[in-house]
Amino acid sequence: MRTIVVSDLHVGSARHTDLVRRPELRAPLLELVRGADRLVVLGDGVELRDRPKRDIAELAAPVYRDL
């Protein structure tokens, strides 16, 4: 079983450190994930300090839908 482990995505960061929201940077990750049997998000999948939770959910939805 092939497992991909990622961490510190910080999706929704107001400081623009959540690079995975940028399509050109998300594409290589999606290529890796396509060949995996399992994806593990090991902490800090979203950034909850900078915005209201509903805003984070809206920002994170496209990223996690793709993954």
C-alpha atoms as a PDB file:
ATOM      1  CA  MET A   1       0.000   0.000   0.000  1.00  0.00           C
ATOM      2  CA  ARG A   2       1.466   3.341  -1.080  1.00  0.00           C
ATOM      3  CA  THR A   3       0.879   6.140   1.399  1.00  0.00           C
ATOM      4  CA  ILE A   4       1.585   9.833   0.871  1.00  0.00           C
ATOM      5  CA  VAL A   5       2.078  11.871   4.065  1.00  0.00           C
ATOM      6  CA  VAL A   6       1.894  15.664   3.921  1.00  0.00           C
ATOM      7  CA  SER A   7       1.919  18.220   6.686  1.00  0.00           C
ATOM      8  CA  ASP A   8       1.800  21.928   7.316  1.00  0.00           C
ATOM      9  CA  LEU A   9      -0.436  22.822   4.387  1.00  0.00           C
ATOM     10  CA  HIS A  10      -1.898  25.722   6.433  1.00  0.00           C
ATOM     11  CA  VAL A  11      -4.724  26.187   3.921  1.00  0.00           C
ATOM     12  CA  GLY A  12      -6.407  29.528   4.548  1.00  0.00           C
ATOM     13  CA  SER A  13      -3.431  31.364   5.942  1.00  0.00           C
ATOM     14  CA  ALA A  14      -3.838  35.111   5.640  1.00  0.00           C
ATOM     15  CA  ARG A  15      -0.058  35.408   5.311  1.00  0.00           C
ATOM     16  CA  HIS A  16      -0.129  33.532   1.987  1.00  0.00           C
ATOM     17  CA  THR A  17       2.045  30.694   3.292  1.00  0.00           C
ATOM     18  CA  ASP A  18      -0.494  28.120   2.092  1.00  0.00           C
ATOM     19  CA  LEU A  19       1.180  27.588  -1.246  1.00  0.00           C
ATOM     20  CA  VAL A  20      -0.951  24.534  -2.036  1.00  0.00           C
ATOM     21  CA  ARG A  21      -3.822  26.891  -2.979  1.00  0.00           C
ATOM     22  CA  ARG A  22      -1.768  28.023  -5.978  1.00  0.00           C
ATOM     23  CA  PRO A  23      -2.717  25.710  -8.876  1.00  0.00           C
ATOM     24  CA  GLU A  24       0.813  25.535 -10.299  1.00  0.00           C
ATOM     25  CA  LEU A  25       2.137  24.347  -6.938  1.00  0.00           C
ATOM     26  CA  ARG A  26      -0.787  22.041  -6.179  1.00  0.00           C
ATOM     27  CA  ALA A  27      -0.417  20.162  -9.486  1.00  0.00           C
ATOM     28  CA  PRO A  28       2.760  18.220  -8.531  1.00  0.00           C
ATOM     29  CA  LEU A  29       1.160  17.153  -5.240  1.00  0.00           C
ATOM     30  CA  LEU A  30      -1.940  15.960  -7.086  1.00  0.00           C
ATOM     31  CA  GLU A  31       0.245  13.882  -9.407  1.00  0.00           C
ATOM     32  CA  LEU A  32       1.814  12.143  -6.407  1.00  0.00           C
ATOM     33  CA  VAL A  33      -1.533  11.577  -4.740  1.00  0.00           C
ATOM     34  CA  ARG A  34      -3.069  10.014  -7.863  1.00  0.00           C
ATOM     35  CA  GLY A  35      -0.695   7.093  -7.578  1.00  0.00           C
ATOM     36  CA  ALA A  36      -1.236   6.582  -3.854  1.00  0.00           C
ATOM     37  CA  ASP A  37      -3.606   4.290  -2.022  1.00  0.00           C
ATOM     38  CA  ARG A  38      -3.848   6.577   0.962  1.00  0.00           C
ATOM     39  CA  LEU A  39      -3.231  10.238   1.826  1.00  0.00           C
ATOM     40  CA  VAL A  40      -2.412  11.261   5.396  1.00  0.00           C
ATOM     41  CA  VAL A  41      -2.561  14.937   6.356  1.00  0.00           C
ATOM     42  CA  LEU A  42      -0.316  15.041   9.396  1.00  0.00           C
ATOM     43  CA  GLY A  43      -1.200  18.229  11.220  1.00  0.00           C
ATOM     44  CA  ASP A  44      -1.863  21.820  10.243  1.00  0.00           C
ATOM     45  CA  GLY A  45      -4.060  20.967   7.282  1.00  0.00           C
ATOM     46  CA  VAL A  46      -5.854  24.291   7.687  1.00  0.00           C
ATOM     47  CA  GLU A  47      -4.916  27.547   9.375  1.00  0.00           C
ATOM     48  CA  LEU A  48      -7.538  28.374  11.985  1.00  0.00           C
ATOM     49  CA  ARG A  49      -5.893  31.432  13.557  1.00  0.00           C
ATOM     50  CA  ASP A  50      -6.247  33.966  10.771  1.00  0.00           C
ATOM     51  CA  ARG A  51      -9.882  33.836   9.646  1.00  0.00           C
ATOM     52  CA  PRO A  52     -13.349  32.684  10.701  1.00  0.00           C
ATOM     53  CA  LYS A  53     -13.827  28.922  10.352  1.00  0.00           C
ATOM     54  CA  ARG A  54     -16.483  29.234   7.637  1.00  0.00           C
ATOM     55  CA  ASP A  55     -14.050  31.272   5.538  1.00  0.00           C
ATOM     56  CA  ILE A  56     -11.355  28.645   6.022  1.00  0.00           C
ATOM     57  CA  ALA A  57     -13.783  25.924   4.935  1.00  0.00           C
ATOM     58  CA  GLU A  58     -14.522  27.823   1.716  1.00  0.00           C
ATOM     59  CA  LEU A  59     -10.827  28.333   0.990  1.00  0.00           C
ATOM     60  CA  ALA A  60      -9.892  24.750   1.831  1.00  0.00           C
ATOM     61  CA  ALA A  61     -12.740  23.018  -0.021  1.00  0.00           C
ATOM     62  CA  PRO A  62     -11.207  23.199  -3.525  1.00  0.00           C
ATOM     63  CA  VAL A  63      -7.831  21.975  -2.260  1.00  0.00           C
ATOM     64  CA  TYR A  64      -9.229  18.988  -0.394  1.00  0.00           C
ATOM     65  CA  ARG A  65     -11.721  18.208  -3.168  1.00  0.00           C
ATOM     66  CA  ASP A  66      -8.784  17.930  -5.582  1.00  0.00           C
ATOM     67  CA  LEU A  67      -6.803  15.799  -3.172  1.00  0.00           C
END
